[in-house]
Amino acid sequence: MANVVDSSVQQFQTCIDACNKCMQACEECLTSCLKETDVQARVHCINTLRDCADICAMASQWMSRGSMYAKQFCQLCATICDDCATECEKFQDAHCQECAKFCRQCAEECRKMAG
């Protein structure tokens, strides 16, 4: 995607994209988890997915606006993405495995950005 408005945000674009993809994957995975027969066993995973989707969306917003707190926020985002990936990896269905992959990629980009 071409840069929308501000060239100073361009340095964050890879991380913004990773956060947006992760947020979408978490929302989709959460919806799928709620339909699984073992939904009770997934309560912790579902709550982690909600936290992860929310922080990824906010991290994307904060980077897009060039917030001076974006680096610290992305550090926390990386931690939550890693936790979410670990939770999703406990379940063998495709949506959880795929979501875990996006979470790991996002955590890596957020750590680079925060570095």
Protein backbone atom coordinates (compact mmCIF):
# COMPACT_ATOMS: atom_id res chain seq x y z
CA MET A 1 0.00 0.00 0.00
CA ALA A 2 1.29 3.44 -0.86
CA ASN A 3 1.85 5.86 1.96
CA VAL A 4 -1.37 7.63 2.79
CA VAL A 5 -0.37 11.00 4.20
CA ASP A 6 2.77 11.45 6.26
CA SER A 7 6.20 10.26 5.16
CA SER A 8 7.48 10.11 8.78
CA VAL A 9 5.16 7.13 9.32
CA GLN A 10 6.68 5.21 6.40
CA GLN A 11 9.36 3.70 8.66
CA PHE A 12 6.57 2.01 10.65
CA GLN A 13 4.60 0.71 7.66
CA THR A 14 5.80 -2.91 7.86
CA CYS A 15 4.87 -3.02 11.55
CA ILE A 16 1.52 -1.29 10.94
CA ASP A 17 0.70 -3.89 8.27
CA ALA A 18 1.72 -6.76 10.56
CA CYS A 19 -0.45 -5.36 13.37
CA ASN A 20 -3.44 -4.98 11.05
CA LYS A 21 -3.06 -8.54 9.73
CA CYS A 22 -2.69 -9.90 13.26
CA MET A 23 -5.74 -7.99 14.48
CA GLN A 24 -7.82 -9.44 11.63
CA ALA A 25 -6.49 -12.97 12.21
CA CYS A 26 -7.30 -12.72 15.93
CA GLU A 27 -10.84 -11.48 15.29
CA GLU A 28 -11.46 -14.27 12.78
CA CYS A 29 -9.92 -16.91 15.05
CA LEU A 30 -11.95 -15.68 18.04
CA THR A 31 -15.18 -15.97 16.02
CA SER A 32 -14.20 -19.49 14.91
CA CYS A 33 -13.21 -20.55 18.45
CA LEU A 34 -16.65 -19.53 19.73
CA LYS A 35 -18.18 -22.03 17.27
CA GLU A 36 -15.96 -24.96 18.31
CA THR A 37 -17.47 -27.80 20.35
CA ASP A 38 -14.74 -27.45 23.02
CA VAL A 39 -15.37 -23.73 23.50
CA GLN A 40 -15.07 -24.09 27.30
CA ALA A 41 -11.50 -25.32 26.90
CA ARG A 42 -10.76 -22.23 24.82
CA VAL A 43 -11.85 -19.52 27.28
CA HIS A 44 -8.30 -18.41 28.08
CA CYS A 45 -7.38 -18.50 24.38
CA ILE A 46 -10.48 -16.44 23.48
CA ASN A 47 -9.69 -13.81 26.13
CA THR A 48 -6.09 -13.61 24.90
CA LEU A 49 -7.31 -13.26 21.30
CA ARG A 50 -9.48 -10.31 22.37
CA ASP A 51 -6.53 -8.60 24.10
CA CYS A 52 -4.28 -9.26 21.13
CA ALA A 53 -6.75 -7.94 18.55
CA ASP A 54 -7.29 -4.79 20.63
CA ILE A 55 -3.63 -4.00 21.23
CA CYS A 56 -2.72 -4.66 17.58
CA ALA A 57 -5.42 -2.23 16.45
CA MET A 58 -4.21 0.40 18.92
CA ALA A 59 -0.55 -0.13 18.06
CA SER A 60 -1.41 0.44 14.40
CA GLN A 61 -3.26 3.64 15.32
CA TRP A 62 -0.46 4.93 17.55
CA MET A 63 2.19 4.29 14.90
CA SER A 64 -0.02 5.89 12.24
CA ARG A 65 -0.31 9.07 14.29
CA GLY A 66 3.40 9.04 15.12
CA SER A 67 2.79 8.81 18.87
CA MET A 68 5.84 9.32 21.06
CA TYR A 69 4.69 6.25 23.04
CA ALA A 70 4.49 3.96 20.00
CA LYS A 71 7.77 2.14 20.74
CA GLN A 72 6.80 1.28 24.34
CA PHE A 73 3.33 0.29 23.20
CA CYS A 74 4.75 -1.98 20.51
CA GLN A 75 6.95 -3.67 23.12
CA LEU A 76 3.81 -4.62 25.07
CA CYS A 77 2.09 -5.61 21.82
CA ALA A 78 4.94 -8.03 21.06
CA THR A 79 4.55 -9.66 24.48
CA ILE A 80 0.79 -10.10 24.04
CA CYS A 81 1.21 -11.40 20.47
CA ASP A 82 3.68 -14.03 21.72
CA ASP A 83 1.28 -15.08 24.48
CA CYS A 84 -1.59 -15.26 22.00
CA ALA A 85 0.48 -17.40 19.62
CA THR A 86 1.33 -19.78 22.47
CA GLU A 87 -2.36 -20.11 23.36
CA CYS A 88 -3.44 -20.66 19.75
CA GLU A 89 -0.70 -23.25 19.19
CA LYS A 90 -2.38 -25.46 21.83
CA PHE A 91 -5.28 -26.06 19.40
CA GLN A 92 -4.81 -28.07 16.21
CA ASP A 93 -7.50 -26.48 14.04
CA ALA A 94 -6.40 -24.43 11.02
CA HIS A 95 -7.71 -21.09 12.27
CA CYS A 96 -5.70 -21.28 15.50
CA GLN A 97 -2.53 -22.47 13.75
CA GLU A 98 -2.84 -19.72 11.13
CA CYS A 99 -3.54 -17.07 13.77
CA ALA A 100 -0.48 -18.15 15.76
CA LYS A 101 1.64 -17.58 12.64
CA PHE A 102 0.34 -14.00 12.23
CA CYS A 103 0.87 -13.35 15.96
CA ARG A 104 4.51 -14.50 15.76
CA GLN A 105 5.14 -12.30 12.70
CA CYS A 106 3.56 -9.31 14.42
CA ALA A 107 5.58 -9.86 17.61
CA GLU A 108 8.77 -9.93 15.54
CA GLU A 109 7.90 -6.69 13.69
CA CYS A 110 6.87 -4.96 16.92
CA ARG A 111 10.16 -5.92 18.59
CA LYS A 112 12.10 -4.56 15.59
CA MET A 113 10.10 -1.36 15.71
CA ALA A 114 10.51 -0.95 19.47
CA GLY A 115 14.20 -1.82 19.31
